């Protein structure tokens, strides 16, 4: 079946996740810069980090389905599994903010990031095993970024037990790594313009 309905549903869920996160930001009671910094400063920073993560997943999700625009039942469930972890971002982000980056909320936030990364990897591998999945395997290759990210999340979770604020450094590093444009899919599609199914993937 076509992936269009799955993609539309996923886009809607991610839009709601972002909306819920921004609605959770505390509004300053005063009208000065100091009020904004004291009341919303940390919240804006954690919101920005989580927003970037949502944007990264949205971008990668779009590229993934350009390579393989048809889905199976397994892909539908793998995609729902990913959306489950992403839908937790507003909760874990808010808890991290309200506790001023305390130990347990920081660990839970890291586990949320790790869970989403594993879920995306499962989705990608599920699509790679479908008929026609060789396009996914060829485009992503060894997928070094996909292996480094979970390792950095685990490092961040471990650092949280030493100093919770230190855990944010690996989390931010992963976001920066993925913010660097990943041209693998574009390069693959450009090199295989005449490949079967390409017209549907564009």
N, C-alpha and C. Protein backbone atom coordinates (compact mmCIF):
# COMPACT_ATOMS: atom_id res chain seq x y z
N UNK A 1 0.84 -1.19 0.00
CA UNK A 1 0.00 0.00 0.00
C UNK A 1 0.89 1.25 0.00
N UNK A 2 0.30 2.35 -0.44
CA UNK A 2 1.05 3.61 -0.49
C UNK A 2 1.32 4.13 0.90
N UNK A 3 2.43 4.85 1.04
CA UNK A 3 2.81 5.40 2.35
C UNK A 3 2.18 6.77 2.60
N UNK A 4 1.39 7.30 1.68
CA UNK A 4 0.89 8.67 1.79
C UNK A 4 0.06 8.88 3.05
N UNK A 5 -0.81 7.89 3.37
CA UNK A 5 -1.65 8.05 4.56
C UNK A 5 -0.79 7.98 5.82
N UNK A 6 0.18 7.08 5.85
CA UNK A 6 1.08 6.97 7.00
C UNK A 6 1.85 8.27 7.20
N UNK A 7 2.36 8.83 6.12
CA UNK A 7 3.13 10.07 6.23
C UNK A 7 2.27 11.22 6.71
N UNK A 8 1.04 11.31 6.20
CA UNK A 8 0.14 12.38 6.61
C UNK A 8 -0.20 12.25 8.10
N UNK A 9 -0.46 11.03 8.55
CA UNK A 9 -0.76 10.80 9.96
C UNK A 9 0.44 11.17 10.83
N UNK A 10 1.63 10.75 10.41
CA UNK A 10 2.85 11.04 11.16
C UNK A 10 3.10 12.54 11.23
N UNK A 11 2.91 13.25 10.12
CA UNK A 11 3.08 14.71 10.11
C UNK A 11 2.13 15.37 11.10
N UNK A 12 0.89 14.87 11.15
CA UNK A 12 -0.09 15.43 12.06
C UNK A 12 0.29 15.21 13.52
N UNK A 13 0.77 14.02 13.83
CA UNK A 13 1.18 13.72 15.20
C UNK A 13 2.35 14.62 15.61
N UNK A 14 3.33 14.77 14.74
CA UNK A 14 4.49 15.60 15.07
C UNK A 14 4.10 17.06 15.24
N UNK A 15 3.14 17.53 14.44
CA UNK A 15 2.67 18.91 14.59
C UNK A 15 2.00 19.09 15.95
N UNK A 16 1.23 18.10 16.38
CA UNK A 16 0.57 18.16 17.68
C UNK A 16 1.60 18.13 18.80
N UNK A 17 2.62 17.28 18.66
CA UNK A 17 3.68 17.19 19.67
C UNK A 17 4.35 18.55 19.87
N UNK A 18 4.67 19.22 18.77
CA UNK A 18 5.30 20.54 18.86
C UNK A 18 4.36 21.54 19.53
N UNK A 19 3.09 21.48 19.16
CA UNK A 19 2.11 22.41 19.73
C UNK A 19 1.98 22.21 21.23
N UNK A 20 1.89 20.94 21.66
CA UNK A 20 1.77 20.66 23.09
C UNK A 20 3.02 21.14 23.84
N UNK A 21 4.18 20.96 23.24
CA UNK A 21 5.42 21.40 23.90
C UNK A 21 5.43 22.91 24.10
N UNK A 22 5.04 23.66 23.07
CA UNK A 22 5.12 25.12 23.19
C UNK A 22 4.05 25.64 24.14
N UNK A 23 2.90 24.96 24.21
CA UNK A 23 1.87 25.37 25.15
C UNK A 23 2.30 25.12 26.59
N UNK A 24 3.27 24.23 26.79
CA UNK A 24 3.76 23.94 28.12
C UNK A 24 4.77 24.93 28.65
N UNK A 25 5.18 25.88 27.81
CA UNK A 25 6.15 26.89 28.26
C UNK A 25 5.50 27.84 29.26
N UNK A 26 6.22 28.12 30.32
CA UNK A 26 5.72 29.05 31.35
C UNK A 26 5.79 30.48 30.83
N UNK A 27 4.71 31.23 31.04
CA UNK A 27 4.66 32.63 30.60
C UNK A 27 5.11 33.52 31.76
N UNK A 28 6.06 34.44 31.52
CA UNK A 28 6.54 35.32 32.59
C UNK A 28 5.40 36.17 33.16
N UNK A 29 5.44 36.38 34.48
CA UNK A 29 4.42 37.24 35.10
C UNK A 29 4.74 38.71 34.92
N UNK A 30 6.02 39.02 34.76
CA UNK A 30 6.41 40.40 34.54
C UNK A 30 6.59 40.69 33.07
N UNK A 31 7.08 41.89 32.78
CA UNK A 31 7.25 42.30 31.37
C UNK A 31 8.69 42.65 31.04
N UNK A 32 9.63 42.21 31.87
CA UNK A 32 11.03 42.53 31.62
C UNK A 32 11.84 41.34 31.15
N UNK A 33 13.06 41.63 30.68
CA UNK A 33 13.95 40.55 30.23
C UNK A 33 14.31 39.62 31.38
N UNK A 34 14.47 40.18 32.56
CA UNK A 34 14.80 39.35 33.73
C UNK A 34 13.66 38.38 34.04
N UNK A 35 12.43 38.82 33.85
CA UNK A 35 11.27 37.95 34.09
C UNK A 35 11.27 36.80 33.09
N UNK A 36 11.56 37.14 31.84
CA UNK A 36 11.61 36.12 30.79
C UNK A 36 12.70 35.10 31.09
N UNK A 37 13.87 35.59 31.46
CA UNK A 37 15.00 34.70 31.73
C UNK A 37 14.72 33.81 32.94
N UNK A 38 14.19 34.40 33.99
CA UNK A 38 13.97 33.64 35.23
C UNK A 38 12.85 32.61 35.05
N UNK A 39 11.77 33.01 34.41
CA UNK A 39 10.60 32.14 34.31
C UNK A 39 10.70 31.15 33.15
N UNK A 40 11.17 31.62 31.99
CA UNK A 40 11.09 30.81 30.78
C UNK A 40 12.44 30.47 30.15
N UNK A 41 13.53 30.97 30.74
CA UNK A 41 14.84 30.78 30.11
C UNK A 41 15.18 29.33 29.87
N UNK A 42 15.13 28.52 30.93
CA UNK A 42 15.46 27.09 30.79
C UNK A 42 14.43 26.39 29.92
N UNK A 43 13.16 26.75 30.07
CA UNK A 43 12.11 26.13 29.28
C UNK A 43 12.30 26.36 27.80
N UNK A 44 12.71 27.56 27.43
CA UNK A 44 12.95 27.86 26.01
C UNK A 44 14.11 27.03 25.47
N UNK A 45 15.14 26.83 26.29
CA UNK A 45 16.30 26.05 25.85
C UNK A 45 15.94 24.57 25.67
N UNK A 46 15.22 24.00 26.64
CA UNK A 46 14.83 22.59 26.51
C UNK A 46 13.82 22.41 25.39
N UNK A 47 12.94 23.40 25.22
CA UNK A 47 11.99 23.35 24.09
C UNK A 47 12.74 23.37 22.77
N UNK A 48 13.75 24.24 22.66
CA UNK A 48 14.54 24.32 21.44
C UNK A 48 15.21 22.98 21.13
N UNK A 49 15.80 22.36 22.16
CA UNK A 49 16.47 21.08 21.95
C UNK A 49 15.48 20.02 21.46
N UNK A 50 14.33 19.92 22.13
CA UNK A 50 13.34 18.92 21.73
C UNK A 50 12.74 19.25 20.36
N UNK A 51 12.54 20.54 20.09
CA UNK A 51 12.03 20.95 18.78
C UNK A 51 12.98 20.52 17.67
N UNK A 52 14.28 20.72 17.91
CA UNK A 52 15.27 20.31 16.91
C UNK A 52 15.20 18.80 16.68
N UNK A 53 15.05 18.04 17.76
CA UNK A 53 14.94 16.58 17.61
C UNK A 53 13.71 16.20 16.78
N UNK A 54 12.57 16.83 17.06
CA UNK A 54 11.36 16.54 16.28
C UNK A 54 11.60 16.88 14.82
N UNK A 55 12.25 18.02 14.57
CA UNK A 55 12.55 18.40 13.19
C UNK A 55 13.46 17.41 12.49
N UNK A 56 14.43 16.89 13.21
CA UNK A 56 15.36 15.90 12.64
C UNK A 56 14.61 14.63 12.26
N UNK A 57 13.74 14.17 13.17
CA UNK A 57 12.97 12.95 12.88
C UNK A 57 12.01 13.17 11.71
N UNK A 58 11.39 14.33 11.67
CA UNK A 58 10.48 14.63 10.55
C UNK A 58 11.24 14.60 9.23
N UNK A 59 12.41 15.22 9.22
CA UNK A 59 13.23 15.28 8.01
C UNK A 59 13.67 13.88 7.58
N UNK A 60 14.19 13.10 8.52
CA UNK A 60 14.67 11.75 8.19
C UNK A 60 13.53 10.82 7.79
N UNK A 61 12.38 11.00 8.42
CA UNK A 61 11.19 10.21 8.10
C UNK A 61 10.78 10.47 6.65
N UNK A 62 10.78 11.72 6.27
CA UNK A 62 10.44 12.10 4.88
C UNK A 62 11.41 11.45 3.89
N UNK A 63 12.69 11.53 4.18
CA UNK A 63 13.69 10.94 3.28
C UNK A 63 13.54 9.42 3.20
N UNK A 64 13.27 8.80 4.32
CA UNK A 64 13.13 7.35 4.35
C UNK A 64 12.01 6.88 3.42
N UNK A 65 10.89 7.58 3.44
CA UNK A 65 9.75 7.16 2.62
C UNK A 65 9.87 7.62 1.18
N UNK A 66 10.83 8.48 0.88
CA UNK A 66 11.16 8.75 -0.51
C UNK A 66 11.82 7.53 -1.14
N UNK A 67 12.59 6.82 -0.35
CA UNK A 67 13.29 5.63 -0.84
C UNK A 67 12.34 4.46 -1.03
N UNK A 68 11.33 4.37 -0.18
CA UNK A 68 10.43 3.21 -0.23
C UNK A 68 9.01 3.69 0.04
N UNK A 69 8.29 4.14 -1.01
CA UNK A 69 6.97 4.76 -0.82
C UNK A 69 5.82 3.78 -0.63
N UNK A 70 6.11 2.51 -0.35
CA UNK A 70 5.05 1.56 -0.04
C UNK A 70 5.32 0.96 1.33
N UNK A 71 4.25 0.55 2.02
CA UNK A 71 4.39 0.06 3.39
C UNK A 71 3.67 -1.27 3.58
N UNK A 72 4.11 -1.99 4.60
CA UNK A 72 3.47 -3.25 5.00
C UNK A 72 2.90 -3.06 6.40
N UNK A 73 2.23 -4.10 6.91
CA UNK A 73 1.72 -4.03 8.27
C UNK A 73 2.82 -3.84 9.28
N UNK A 74 3.97 -4.49 9.06
CA UNK A 74 5.10 -4.34 9.96
C UNK A 74 5.60 -2.92 10.02
N UNK A 75 5.63 -2.25 8.88
CA UNK A 75 6.07 -0.86 8.82
C UNK A 75 5.08 0.04 9.57
N UNK A 76 3.80 -0.24 9.42
CA UNK A 76 2.78 0.56 10.13
C UNK A 76 3.00 0.50 11.64
N UNK A 77 3.24 -0.70 12.17
CA UNK A 77 3.46 -0.84 13.60
C UNK A 77 4.79 -0.25 14.04
N UNK A 78 5.81 -0.40 13.22
CA UNK A 78 7.12 0.19 13.54
C UNK A 78 7.01 1.72 13.57
N UNK A 79 6.21 2.27 12.67
CA UNK A 79 6.02 3.72 12.63
C UNK A 79 5.25 4.19 13.86
N UNK A 80 4.24 3.43 14.28
CA UNK A 80 3.50 3.78 15.49
C UNK A 80 4.41 3.71 16.72
N UNK A 81 5.31 2.73 16.73
CA UNK A 81 6.27 2.61 17.83
C UNK A 81 7.13 3.87 17.91
N UNK A 82 7.59 4.37 16.77
CA UNK A 82 8.37 5.60 16.75
C UNK A 82 7.53 6.77 17.26
N UNK A 83 6.29 6.89 16.79
CA UNK A 83 5.44 8.00 17.21
C UNK A 83 5.14 7.95 18.70
N UNK A 84 5.08 6.76 19.26
CA UNK A 84 4.88 6.64 20.71
C UNK A 84 5.99 7.37 21.47
N UNK A 85 7.23 7.08 21.11
CA UNK A 85 8.36 7.70 21.81
C UNK A 85 8.41 9.20 21.56
N UNK A 86 8.11 9.62 20.33
CA UNK A 86 8.13 11.06 20.04
C UNK A 86 7.00 11.79 20.76
N UNK A 87 5.88 11.12 20.95
CA UNK A 87 4.75 11.77 21.63
C UNK A 87 5.03 12.00 23.11
N UNK A 88 6.05 11.33 23.65
CA UNK A 88 6.44 11.54 25.05
C UNK A 88 7.32 12.76 25.24
N UNK A 89 7.82 13.34 24.16
CA UNK A 89 8.72 14.49 24.28
C UNK A 89 8.13 15.64 25.10
N UNK A 90 6.86 16.04 24.89
CA UNK A 90 6.34 17.14 25.71
C UNK A 90 6.38 16.84 27.21
N UNK A 91 6.07 15.60 27.59
CA UNK A 91 6.08 15.22 29.00
C UNK A 91 7.49 15.25 29.58
N UNK A 92 8.44 14.57 28.91
CA UNK A 92 9.79 14.49 29.46
C UNK A 92 10.50 15.84 29.41
N UNK A 93 10.20 16.64 28.37
CA UNK A 93 10.80 17.97 28.28
C UNK A 93 10.29 18.87 29.40
N UNK A 94 8.98 18.82 29.66
CA UNK A 94 8.40 19.65 30.72
C UNK A 94 8.93 19.24 32.10
N UNK A 95 9.06 17.94 32.32
CA UNK A 95 9.57 17.47 33.63
C UNK A 95 11.02 17.90 33.82
N UNK A 96 11.81 17.78 32.76
CA UNK A 96 13.20 18.20 32.81
C UNK A 96 13.30 19.69 33.16
N UNK A 97 12.42 20.49 32.58
CA UNK A 97 12.44 21.93 32.80
C UNK A 97 11.98 22.29 34.21
N UNK A 98 10.86 21.73 34.62
CA UNK A 98 10.26 22.11 35.91
C UNK A 98 11.12 21.69 37.09
N UNK A 99 11.95 20.66 36.93
CA UNK A 99 12.82 20.22 38.03
C UNK A 99 14.22 20.79 37.92
N UNK A 100 14.41 21.71 36.95
CA UNK A 100 15.71 22.37 36.76
C UNK A 100 16.82 21.34 36.52
N UNK A 101 16.53 20.37 35.66
CA UNK A 101 17.49 19.34 35.25
C UNK A 101 17.96 18.50 36.45
N UNK A 102 16.99 17.94 37.15
CA UNK A 102 17.29 17.03 38.26
C UNK A 102 17.66 15.65 37.71
N UNK A 103 18.17 14.80 38.58
CA UNK A 103 18.70 13.49 38.15
C UNK A 103 17.69 12.62 37.41
N UNK A 104 16.60 12.26 38.09
CA UNK A 104 15.66 11.31 37.49
C UNK A 104 15.01 11.87 36.21
N UNK A 105 14.53 13.12 36.20
CA UNK A 105 13.97 13.66 34.96
C UNK A 105 14.99 13.68 33.81
N UNK A 106 16.26 13.94 34.13
CA UNK A 106 17.29 13.95 33.09
C UNK A 106 17.50 12.55 32.53
N UNK A 107 17.52 11.55 33.41
CA UNK A 107 17.66 10.16 32.97
C UNK A 107 16.46 9.76 32.12
N UNK A 108 15.27 10.13 32.56
CA UNK A 108 14.05 9.79 31.82
C UNK A 108 14.06 10.46 30.45
N UNK A 109 14.50 11.72 30.39
CA UNK A 109 14.61 12.42 29.11
C UNK A 109 15.58 11.69 28.19
N UNK A 110 16.73 11.27 28.76
CA UNK A 110 17.70 10.53 27.96
C UNK A 110 17.14 9.21 27.47
N UNK A 111 16.38 8.52 28.32
CA UNK A 111 15.75 7.26 27.90
C UNK A 111 14.73 7.50 26.80
N UNK A 112 14.04 8.64 26.87
CA UNK A 112 13.09 9.00 25.82
C UNK A 112 13.81 9.20 24.48
N UNK A 113 14.94 9.91 24.52
CA UNK A 113 15.73 10.11 23.31
C UNK A 113 16.25 8.78 22.77
N UNK A 114 16.74 7.94 23.67
CA UNK A 114 17.26 6.63 23.28
C UNK A 114 16.15 5.76 22.69
N UNK A 115 14.98 5.77 23.32
CA UNK A 115 13.87 4.98 22.82
C UNK A 115 13.45 5.40 21.42
N UNK A 116 13.42 6.70 21.17
CA UNK A 116 13.06 7.19 19.84
C UNK A 116 14.10 6.78 18.81
N UNK A 117 15.37 6.84 19.18
CA UNK A 117 16.44 6.45 18.25
C UNK A 117 16.34 4.97 17.89
N UNK A 118 16.10 4.14 18.89
CA UNK A 118 15.96 2.70 18.64
C UNK A 118 14.74 2.43 17.79
N UNK A 119 13.63 3.14 18.07
CA UNK A 119 12.40 2.96 17.30
C UNK A 119 12.61 3.34 15.83
N UNK A 120 13.35 4.43 15.60
CA UNK A 120 13.61 4.83 14.21
C UNK A 120 14.47 3.79 13.50
N UNK A 121 15.44 3.25 14.22
CA UNK A 121 16.30 2.21 13.65
C UNK A 121 15.47 0.97 13.29
N UNK A 122 14.52 0.62 14.16
CA UNK A 122 13.64 -0.52 13.87
C UNK A 122 12.80 -0.24 12.63
N UNK A 123 12.27 0.98 12.52
CA UNK A 123 11.49 1.34 11.34
C UNK A 123 12.33 1.24 10.08
N UNK A 124 13.53 1.79 10.12
CA UNK A 124 14.41 1.76 8.96
C UNK A 124 14.77 0.32 8.57
N UNK A 125 15.08 -0.50 9.55
CA UNK A 125 15.44 -1.89 9.27
C UNK A 125 14.25 -2.70 8.78
N UNK A 126 13.06 -2.39 9.30
CA UNK A 126 11.85 -3.08 8.84
C UNK A 126 11.60 -2.76 7.37
N UNK A 127 11.78 -1.51 7.00
CA UNK A 127 11.60 -1.13 5.59
C UNK A 127 12.68 -1.75 4.71
N UNK A 128 13.89 -1.87 5.25
CA UNK A 128 14.99 -2.45 4.47
C UNK A 128 14.76 -3.92 4.19
N UNK A 129 13.97 -4.59 5.03
CA UNK A 129 13.72 -6.02 4.83
C UNK A 129 12.53 -6.29 3.91
N UNK A 130 11.79 -5.24 3.56
CA UNK A 130 10.66 -5.42 2.64
C UNK A 130 11.15 -5.65 1.22
N UNK A 131 10.30 -6.20 0.35
CA UNK A 131 10.64 -6.24 -1.07
C UNK A 131 10.93 -4.82 -1.58
N UNK A 132 12.05 -4.66 -2.24
CA UNK A 132 12.46 -3.32 -2.67
C UNK A 132 13.28 -2.59 -1.63
N UNK A 133 13.50 -3.22 -0.49
CA UNK A 133 14.22 -2.58 0.59
C UNK A 133 15.70 -2.40 0.33
N UNK A 134 16.18 -2.97 -0.75
CA UNK A 134 17.61 -2.79 -1.06
C UNK A 134 17.93 -1.32 -1.30
N UNK A 135 16.94 -0.53 -1.72
CA UNK A 135 17.18 0.90 -1.92
C UNK A 135 17.51 1.57 -0.60
N UNK A 136 16.82 1.17 0.48
CA UNK A 136 17.10 1.71 1.80
C UNK A 136 18.49 1.29 2.26
N UNK A 137 18.80 0.00 2.07
CA UNK A 137 20.11 -0.50 2.51
C UNK A 137 21.24 0.19 1.75
N UNK A 138 21.07 0.35 0.45
CA UNK A 138 22.13 0.97 -0.36
C UNK A 138 22.29 2.45 -0.02
N UNK A 139 21.20 3.15 0.22
CA UNK A 139 21.28 4.59 0.47
C UNK A 139 21.95 4.90 1.81
N UNK A 140 21.63 4.12 2.85
CA UNK A 140 22.14 4.42 4.18
C UNK A 140 23.47 3.74 4.48
N UNK A 141 23.78 2.68 3.76
CA UNK A 141 25.07 2.02 3.96
C UNK A 141 25.26 1.57 5.40
N UNK A 142 26.43 1.84 5.95
CA UNK A 142 26.74 1.42 7.32
C UNK A 142 26.04 2.27 8.37
N UNK A 143 25.56 3.45 7.98
CA UNK A 143 24.78 4.33 8.85
C UNK A 143 25.52 4.61 10.17
N UNK A 144 26.70 5.22 10.05
CA UNK A 144 27.51 5.53 11.23
C UNK A 144 26.78 6.43 12.21
N UNK A 145 26.07 7.43 11.69
CA UNK A 145 25.33 8.33 12.57
C UNK A 145 24.30 7.56 13.41
N UNK A 146 23.67 6.60 12.76
CA UNK A 146 22.65 5.82 13.45
C UNK A 146 23.21 4.99 14.59
N UNK A 147 24.50 4.64 14.53
CA UNK A 147 25.13 3.88 15.60
C UNK A 147 25.72 4.78 16.68
N UNK A 148 26.22 5.94 16.27
CA UNK A 148 26.86 6.86 17.22
C UNK A 148 25.82 7.49 18.16
N UNK A 149 24.65 7.82 17.62
CA UNK A 149 23.63 8.52 18.41
C UNK A 149 23.22 7.76 19.66
N UNK A 150 22.81 6.48 19.57
CA UNK A 150 22.44 5.76 20.80
C UNK A 150 23.59 5.69 21.81
N UNK A 151 24.82 5.56 21.30
CA UNK A 151 25.97 5.50 22.21
C UNK A 151 26.11 6.80 22.99
N UNK A 152 25.86 7.93 22.32
CA UNK A 152 25.94 9.22 23.01
C UNK A 152 24.79 9.39 23.99
N UNK A 153 23.63 8.86 23.66
CA UNK A 153 22.51 8.92 24.61
C UNK A 153 22.85 8.14 25.87
N UNK A 154 23.41 6.95 25.71
CA UNK A 154 23.80 6.14 26.87
C UNK A 154 24.85 6.87 27.69
N UNK A 155 25.80 7.52 27.01
CA UNK A 155 26.81 8.31 27.72
C UNK A 155 26.15 9.42 28.52
N UNK A 156 25.19 10.11 27.92
CA UNK A 156 24.50 11.18 28.62
C UNK A 156 23.76 10.68 29.85
N UNK A 157 23.09 9.54 29.70
CA UNK A 157 22.37 8.97 30.84
C UNK A 157 23.34 8.63 31.97
N UNK A 158 24.49 8.08 31.62
CA UNK A 158 25.50 7.74 32.62
C UNK A 158 26.03 9.00 33.30
N UNK A 159 26.27 10.06 32.53
CA UNK A 159 26.78 11.31 33.09
C UNK A 159 25.78 11.95 34.04
N UNK A 160 24.49 11.70 33.81
CA UNK A 160 23.46 12.28 34.67
C UNK A 160 23.62 11.84 36.11
N UNK A 161 24.18 10.66 36.33
CA UNK A 161 24.37 10.15 37.69
C UNK A 161 25.56 10.83 38.37
N UNK A 162 26.37 11.52 37.59
CA UNK A 162 27.50 12.28 38.15
C UNK A 162 27.06 13.72 38.37
N UNK A 163 26.75 14.41 37.27
CA UNK A 163 26.19 15.77 37.32
C UNK A 163 25.11 15.83 36.24
N UNK A 164 23.84 15.96 36.61
CA UNK A 164 22.76 15.94 35.61
C UNK A 164 22.96 16.89 34.44
N UNK A 165 23.48 18.09 34.72
CA UNK A 165 23.66 19.06 33.64
C UNK A 165 24.64 18.55 32.59
N UNK A 166 25.63 17.72 32.99
CA UNK A 166 26.59 17.19 32.04
C UNK A 166 25.93 16.29 31.00
N UNK A 167 24.81 15.69 31.37
CA UNK A 167 24.11 14.79 30.45
C UNK A 167 23.62 15.52 29.22
N UNK A 168 23.35 16.82 29.37
CA UNK A 168 22.83 17.57 28.24
C UNK A 168 23.86 17.73 27.13
N UNK A 169 25.14 17.65 27.47
CA UNK A 169 26.18 17.84 26.45
C UNK A 169 26.12 16.77 25.36
N UNK A 170 26.08 15.47 25.69
CA UNK A 170 25.93 14.46 24.63
C UNK A 170 24.60 14.58 23.90
N UNK A 171 23.53 14.96 24.60
CA UNK A 171 22.23 15.12 23.96
C UNK A 171 22.29 16.24 22.91
N UNK A 172 22.94 17.33 23.27
CA UNK A 172 23.09 18.45 22.33
C UNK A 172 24.00 18.05 21.18
N UNK A 173 25.05 17.27 21.49
CA UNK A 173 25.99 16.84 20.45
C UNK A 173 25.27 16.02 19.38
N UNK A 174 24.37 15.14 19.79
CA UNK A 174 23.63 14.33 18.81
C UNK A 174 22.79 15.24 17.91
N UNK A 175 22.13 16.23 18.52
CA UNK A 175 21.32 17.15 17.72
C UNK A 175 22.18 17.89 16.70
N UNK A 176 23.37 18.30 17.12
CA UNK A 176 24.26 19.01 16.20
C UNK A 176 24.72 18.09 15.07
N UNK A 177 25.04 16.84 15.41
CA UNK A 177 25.48 15.88 14.39
C UNK A 177 24.42 15.72 13.31
N UNK A 178 23.15 15.63 13.72
CA UNK A 178 22.08 15.41 12.76
C UNK A 178 21.63 16.68 12.07
N UNK A 179 21.98 17.85 12.66
CA UNK A 179 21.64 19.11 11.99
C UNK A 179 22.50 19.32 10.74
N UNK A 180 23.67 18.72 10.73
CA UNK A 180 24.51 18.79 9.53
C UNK A 180 23.76 18.07 8.42
N UNK A 181 23.48 18.72 7.29
CA UNK A 181 22.68 18.11 6.24
C UNK A 181 23.19 16.73 5.83
N UNK A 182 22.29 15.75 5.81
CA UNK A 182 22.61 14.39 5.42
C UNK A 182 22.13 14.19 3.98
N UNK A 183 23.08 14.14 3.06
CA UNK A 183 22.75 14.11 1.63
C UNK A 183 22.69 12.70 1.05
N UNK A 184 22.73 11.67 1.91
CA UNK A 184 22.81 10.31 1.37
C UNK A 184 21.60 9.96 0.51
N UNK A 185 20.42 10.30 0.98
CA UNK A 185 19.21 9.95 0.22
C UNK A 185 19.14 10.74 -1.07
N UNK A 186 19.42 12.07 -0.99
CA UNK A 186 19.38 12.87 -2.21
C UNK A 186 20.39 12.37 -3.24
N UNK A 187 21.60 12.03 -2.75
CA UNK A 187 22.62 11.53 -3.67
C UNK A 187 22.18 10.21 -4.30
N UNK A 188 21.58 9.35 -3.47
CA UNK A 188 21.16 8.04 -3.99
C UNK A 188 20.06 8.21 -5.02
N UNK A 189 19.06 9.03 -4.73
CA UNK A 189 17.96 9.23 -5.67
C UNK A 189 18.43 9.88 -6.96
N UNK A 190 19.36 10.80 -6.84
CA UNK A 190 19.89 11.45 -8.04
C UNK A 190 20.66 10.46 -8.90
N UNK A 191 21.40 9.56 -8.24
CA UNK A 191 22.19 8.57 -8.98
C UNK A 191 21.34 7.45 -9.56
N UNK A 192 20.09 7.30 -9.06
CA UNK A 192 19.22 6.22 -9.52
C UNK A 192 17.91 6.77 -10.04
N UNK A 193 17.99 7.83 -10.81
CA UNK A 193 16.79 8.46 -11.32
C UNK A 193 15.97 7.54 -12.22
N UNK A 194 16.62 6.60 -12.82
CA UNK A 194 15.92 5.70 -13.72
C UNK A 194 15.54 4.39 -13.06
N UNK A 195 15.76 4.31 -11.72
CA UNK A 195 15.47 3.06 -11.02
C UNK A 195 13.97 2.85 -10.93
N UNK A 196 13.49 1.62 -10.93
CA UNK A 196 12.06 1.34 -10.81
C UNK A 196 11.50 1.95 -9.54
N UNK A 197 10.33 2.60 -9.69
CA UNK A 197 9.67 3.19 -8.53
C UNK A 197 10.15 4.57 -8.19
N UNK A 198 11.16 5.07 -8.92
CA UNK A 198 11.71 6.38 -8.60
C UNK A 198 10.69 7.49 -8.77
N UNK A 199 9.85 7.36 -9.81
CA UNK A 199 8.87 8.39 -10.05
C UNK A 199 7.93 8.56 -8.87
N UNK A 200 7.63 7.44 -8.18
CA UNK A 200 6.75 7.51 -7.03
C UNK A 200 7.45 8.08 -5.81
N UNK A 201 8.78 7.87 -5.76
CA UNK A 201 9.51 8.28 -4.56
C UNK A 201 9.84 9.75 -4.54
N UNK A 202 9.84 10.38 -5.72
CA UNK A 202 10.26 11.77 -5.79
C UNK A 202 9.23 12.69 -5.13
